[in-house]
Amino acid sequence: MLSFLKSHPFAVEAFFESSTVLAFAVPKEELQHLIPDCLELDMYEDKWAFIAVAIVKTKGLRPKGFPNFMGSSFTLIGYRIFVRYRNNAGDSIRGLYILKSETDKWRMHVLGNIFTDYNYSLIDIDYRTDVGLTNISSMQTGLHIALKQGDDNTGLPLGSPFKDWKDARRFAGPLPHTFTYNATTKEVLTIKGLRENWKPTPVQVSSYNIPFIDSLQLKGAVLANAFVITDIPYHWQKGKTEIWQA
């Protein structure tokens, strides 16, 4: 029964007040062991793979069609790798493989671990914005990110492999699909997300400390881009499962 619930058996909708994404470019060899065999790294210039942290302020998360008052509102921090999956129809589709998720609400912690394999932890999250400055922190984990509001004239982070922001936006998330894999049954679950008003705006990262990414001990990782997106209606379709044919 629990396995059925984790297959995303119904569509879900929500409203993102904001989604802040920091993507790190990493030599592909450093990330390969973190994804299952059914997935490939989504790469830039056949060298760089990407891991991102996304901080999402979410309102009204609920089964699609349910009234808004039944939804959950919370802050989510997700750690994702940009990947591709070649399905049984032969299509190579871009998406995300989620390593870990964190939330500041007990309800989302419990339900998230019932209905997904996204590995939710319950932590404190402090999210403050004041006159173009944003600070996101957690005393429990030691996470801290300080951002300044930017625009299209904001420079890329120092050391970014991207040529310009047009290149960087390809890895601004969210990608259309999210994948999970059951190694025992060889089943790949694909969940497609649909959104409106996805207009990433560059932000300037003043400082950051992201303990989960540090714990992966990724050699050669550099901050590649940072964006914020606001006021986004979003929904996820019912999950689709197929047997991976190696």
Protein backbone atom coordinates (compact mmCIF):
# COMPACT_ATOMS: atom_id res chain seq x y z
CA MET A 1 0.00 0.00 0.00
CA LEU A 2 2.77 2.42 0.94
CA SER A 3 4.51 1.66 -2.36
CA PHE A 4 1.34 2.59 -4.25
CA LEU A 5 1.07 5.90 -2.42
CA LYS A 6 4.67 6.77 -3.31
CA SER A 7 3.84 6.40 -7.01
CA HIS A 8 2.22 9.86 -7.01
CA PRO A 9 -1.25 8.40 -7.74
CA PHE A 10 -3.04 11.74 -8.17
CA ALA A 11 -2.34 15.18 -9.62
CA VAL A 12 -1.23 17.94 -7.23
CA GLU A 13 -1.36 21.74 -7.45
CA ALA A 14 0.22 24.60 -5.53
CA PHE A 15 1.28 28.23 -5.75
CA PHE A 16 4.93 29.20 -5.40
CA GLU A 17 5.34 32.61 -3.80
CA SER A 18 9.00 32.38 -4.71
CA SER A 19 11.56 29.84 -5.86
CA THR A 20 15.24 30.62 -5.33
CA VAL A 21 17.68 28.30 -7.10
CA LEU A 22 21.46 28.10 -6.76
CA ALA A 23 23.03 25.68 -9.24
CA PHE A 24 26.57 24.37 -8.82
CA ALA A 25 28.62 23.11 -11.77
CA VAL A 26 30.59 19.98 -10.91
CA PRO A 27 32.94 17.83 -13.00
CA LYS A 28 30.74 15.01 -14.25
CA GLU A 29 32.82 12.32 -12.56
CA GLU A 30 31.92 13.77 -9.16
CA LEU A 31 28.14 13.32 -9.57
CA GLN A 32 27.87 10.10 -11.55
CA HIS A 33 27.79 7.83 -8.49
CA LEU A 34 24.88 9.78 -6.95
CA ILE A 35 22.32 8.86 -9.62
CA PRO A 36 20.84 5.45 -10.52
CA ASP A 37 21.95 3.58 -13.63
CA CYS A 38 18.72 4.39 -15.47
CA LEU A 39 19.58 8.10 -15.56
CA GLU A 40 22.26 10.13 -17.31
CA LEU A 41 23.74 13.43 -16.19
CA ASP A 42 22.41 16.47 -18.05
CA MET A 43 25.67 18.14 -18.97
CA TYR A 44 27.09 21.38 -20.31
CA GLU A 45 29.96 21.17 -22.81
CA ASP A 46 30.28 17.43 -22.03
CA LYS A 47 32.20 18.34 -18.87
CA TRP A 48 29.98 19.96 -16.31
CA ALA A 49 27.11 18.33 -14.47
CA PHE A 50 24.86 20.26 -12.08
CA ILE A 51 23.51 19.96 -8.57
CA ALA A 52 21.13 22.63 -7.30
CA VAL A 53 19.57 23.78 -4.06
CA ALA A 54 16.08 25.23 -4.44
CA ILE A 55 14.30 27.15 -1.68
CA VAL A 56 10.59 27.34 -2.42
CA LYS A 57 7.96 29.27 -0.46
CA THR A 58 4.80 27.29 -1.20
CA LYS A 59 1.10 28.00 -0.61
CA GLY A 60 -1.92 25.74 -0.93
CA LEU A 61 -0.28 22.42 -1.89
CA ARG A 62 -3.17 19.98 -2.34
CA PRO A 63 -4.62 17.30 -4.64
CA LYS A 64 -5.68 19.00 -7.87
CA GLY A 65 -9.27 20.17 -7.73
CA PHE A 66 -9.44 20.34 -3.93
CA PRO A 67 -10.32 23.75 -2.39
CA ASN A 68 -7.43 26.01 -1.45
CA PHE A 69 -8.18 25.94 2.29
CA MET A 70 -7.32 22.23 2.34
CA GLY A 71 -3.80 22.91 1.10
CA SER A 72 -0.50 23.06 2.98
CA SER A 73 1.72 26.13 3.09
CA PHE A 74 5.40 25.71 3.93
CA THR A 75 8.98 26.39 2.89
CA LEU A 76 10.79 23.62 1.03
CA ILE A 77 14.51 23.17 0.47
CA GLY A 78 15.34 20.59 -2.18
CA TYR A 79 18.67 19.24 -3.39
CA ARG A 80 18.49 18.00 -6.99
CA ILE A 81 20.76 16.76 -9.77
CA PHE A 82 19.99 17.70 -13.39
CA VAL A 83 19.53 14.48 -15.37
CA ARG A 84 18.11 12.86 -18.50
CA TYR A 85 16.11 9.67 -18.87
CA ARG A 86 15.65 7.70 -22.09
CA ASN A 87 12.21 6.16 -21.77
CA ASN A 88 10.97 2.99 -23.45
CA ALA A 89 9.61 5.04 -26.35
CA GLY A 90 13.18 6.15 -27.08
CA ASP A 91 12.71 9.77 -25.98
CA SER A 92 15.47 11.47 -24.00
CA ILE A 93 13.73 13.72 -21.47
CA ARG A 94 15.27 16.25 -19.10
CA GLY A 95 14.45 16.27 -15.44
CA LEU A 96 15.59 16.22 -11.85
CA TYR A 97 16.75 13.49 -9.50
CA ILE A 98 16.11 14.50 -5.90
CA LEU A 99 18.71 13.58 -3.28
CA LYS A 100 17.10 15.17 -0.25
CA SER A 101 14.32 17.54 0.81
CA GLU A 102 13.80 19.68 3.91
CA THR A 103 10.73 21.51 5.17
CA ASP A 104 9.74 23.68 8.11
CA LYS A 105 6.27 22.15 8.59
CA TRP A 106 5.56 18.85 10.36
CA ARG A 107 2.58 18.10 8.13
CA MET A 108 4.67 18.35 4.97
CA HIS A 109 7.43 16.28 6.55
CA VAL A 110 4.98 13.43 7.25
CA LEU A 111 2.94 13.60 4.04
CA GLY A 112 6.02 14.18 1.89
CA ASN A 113 7.54 10.93 3.12
CA ILE A 114 4.26 9.05 2.60
CA PHE A 115 3.62 10.23 -0.95
CA THR A 116 7.17 10.61 -2.31
CA ASP A 117 10.68 9.16 -2.10
CA TYR A 118 12.13 12.66 -1.74
CA ASN A 119 13.65 12.00 1.71
CA TYR A 120 12.05 14.82 3.74
CA SER A 121 13.61 16.10 6.96
CA LEU A 122 11.94 18.53 9.36
CA ILE A 123 14.11 21.56 10.12
CA ASP A 124 13.80 25.21 11.10
CA ILE A 125 13.93 27.62 8.13
CA ASP A 126 14.15 31.38 8.53
CA TYR A 127 13.42 33.29 5.32
CA ARG A 128 13.69 37.07 5.49
CA THR A 129 13.58 39.71 2.76
CA ASP A 130 14.22 43.39 3.39
CA VAL A 131 14.78 46.11 0.77
CA GLY A 132 16.23 43.86 -1.91
CA LEU A 133 18.21 41.67 0.52
CA THR A 134 17.23 38.07 1.30
CA ASN A 135 18.64 35.87 4.04
CA ILE A 136 17.72 32.18 4.24
CA SER A 137 19.02 30.20 7.19
CA SER A 138 18.57 27.19 9.45
CA MET A 139 20.07 27.07 12.93
CA GLN A 140 19.52 23.32 13.02
CA THR A 141 21.53 22.49 9.90
CA GLY A 142 23.83 25.53 9.68
CA LEU A 143 22.53 26.53 6.24
CA HIS A 144 22.86 30.21 5.35
CA ILE A 145 22.38 31.96 2.02
CA ALA A 146 22.54 35.74 1.57
CA LEU A 147 21.24 37.24 -1.68
CA LYS A 148 20.88 40.64 -3.29
CA GLN A 149 18.21 41.43 -5.83
CA GLY A 150 19.61 41.49 -9.36
CA ASP A 151 18.56 42.01 -12.96
CA ASP A 152 19.71 41.00 -16.44
CA ASN A 153 22.83 43.16 -15.99
CA THR A 154 23.94 41.19 -12.93
CA GLY A 155 27.19 39.36 -13.58
CA LEU A 156 27.49 35.59 -13.49
CA PRO A 157 29.10 34.12 -10.34
CA LEU A 158 32.87 34.14 -10.41
CA GLY A 159 34.13 30.93 -12.01
CA SER A 160 30.81 30.01 -13.65
CA PRO A 161 31.32 27.88 -16.77
CA PHE A 162 28.43 29.58 -18.56
CA LYS A 163 29.09 32.12 -21.30
CA ASP A 164 26.09 34.29 -20.37
CA TRP A 165 22.74 34.25 -18.60
CA LYS A 166 21.01 32.77 -21.66
CA ASP A 167 23.18 29.67 -21.24
CA ALA A 168 22.67 29.71 -17.49
CA ARG A 169 18.87 29.78 -17.73
CA ARG A 170 18.90 26.27 -19.20
CA PHE A 171 19.87 25.12 -15.73
CA ALA A 172 17.62 27.42 -13.72
CA GLY A 173 15.05 24.71 -12.93
CA PRO A 174 12.57 23.35 -12.57
CA LEU A 175 12.98 20.93 -15.43
CA PRO A 176 9.75 19.39 -16.75
CA HIS A 177 10.14 16.01 -15.06
CA THR A 178 11.20 14.48 -11.76
CA PHE A 179 12.41 10.87 -11.63
CA THR A 180 12.62 8.22 -8.94
CA TYR A 181 13.88 4.66 -9.36
CA ASN A 182 13.09 1.43 -7.54
CA ALA A 183 16.18 -0.74 -7.98
CA THR A 184 14.36 -3.87 -6.75
CA THR A 185 11.53 -3.73 -9.30
CA LYS A 186 13.53 -1.72 -11.89
CA GLU A 187 10.62 0.73 -12.09
CA VAL A 188 11.15 4.35 -13.10
CA LEU A 189 8.53 6.80 -11.86
CA THR A 190 8.24 9.99 -13.93
CA ILE A 191 6.29 12.98 -12.63
CA LYS A 192 5.67 15.85 -15.01
CA GLY A 193 5.33 19.38 -13.67
CA LEU A 194 3.50 22.19 -15.44
CA ARG A 195 3.92 25.84 -14.51
CA GLU A 196 2.91 29.34 -15.53
CA ASN A 197 4.79 32.64 -15.36
CA TRP A 198 8.26 31.07 -15.11
CA LYS A 199 10.52 34.11 -15.54
CA PRO A 200 13.87 33.65 -13.76
CA THR A 201 15.61 36.82 -12.57
CA PRO A 202 19.33 36.65 -11.70
CA VAL A 203 20.30 37.32 -8.09
CA GLN A 204 23.70 38.14 -6.64
CA VAL A 205 24.88 35.67 -4.01
CA SER A 206 26.72 37.54 -1.27
CA SER A 207 27.60 34.44 0.76
CA TYR A 208 26.48 30.88 1.28
CA ASN A 209 27.02 27.86 3.50
CA ILE A 210 25.15 24.73 2.40
CA PRO A 211 26.13 21.83 4.67
CA PHE A 212 24.35 19.09 2.72
CA ILE A 213 26.23 19.90 -0.47
CA ASP A 214 29.45 20.20 1.54
CA SER A 215 28.81 16.70 2.93
CA LEU A 216 28.98 15.26 -0.59
CA GLN A 217 32.64 16.35 -0.83
CA LEU A 218 32.38 17.28 -4.49
CA LYS A 219 35.75 18.28 -5.91
CA GLY A 220 35.85 21.22 -8.30
CA ALA A 221 32.30 22.45 -7.62
CA VAL A 222 31.64 26.12 -8.49
CA LEU A 223 28.54 28.27 -8.18
CA ALA A 224 27.26 28.48 -11.76
CA ASN A 225 24.07 30.53 -11.52
CA ALA A 226 21.49 31.88 -9.09
CA PHE A 227 17.93 32.89 -9.89
CA VAL A 228 14.70 33.82 -8.18
CA ILE A 229 11.23 33.33 -9.66
CA THR A 230 8.04 34.67 -8.05
CA ASP A 231 4.28 34.13 -8.22
CA ILE A 232 4.11 30.81 -10.04
CA PRO A 233 0.97 28.64 -10.34
CA TYR A 234 2.25 25.07 -10.50
CA HIS A 235 0.86 21.57 -10.73
CA TRP A 236 2.15 18.04 -11.12
CA GLN A 237 0.45 15.37 -13.18
CA LYS A 238 -0.26 11.88 -11.89
CA GLY A 239 2.95 9.84 -11.92
CA LYS A 240 3.74 7.39 -14.72
CA THR A 241 5.70 4.18 -14.09
CA GLU A 242 7.53 1.95 -16.52
CA ILE A 243 10.06 -0.87 -16.25
CA TRP A 244 13.53 0.34 -17.17
CA GLN A 245 14.95 -1.58 -20.10
CA ALA A 246 18.71 -1.39 -19.70
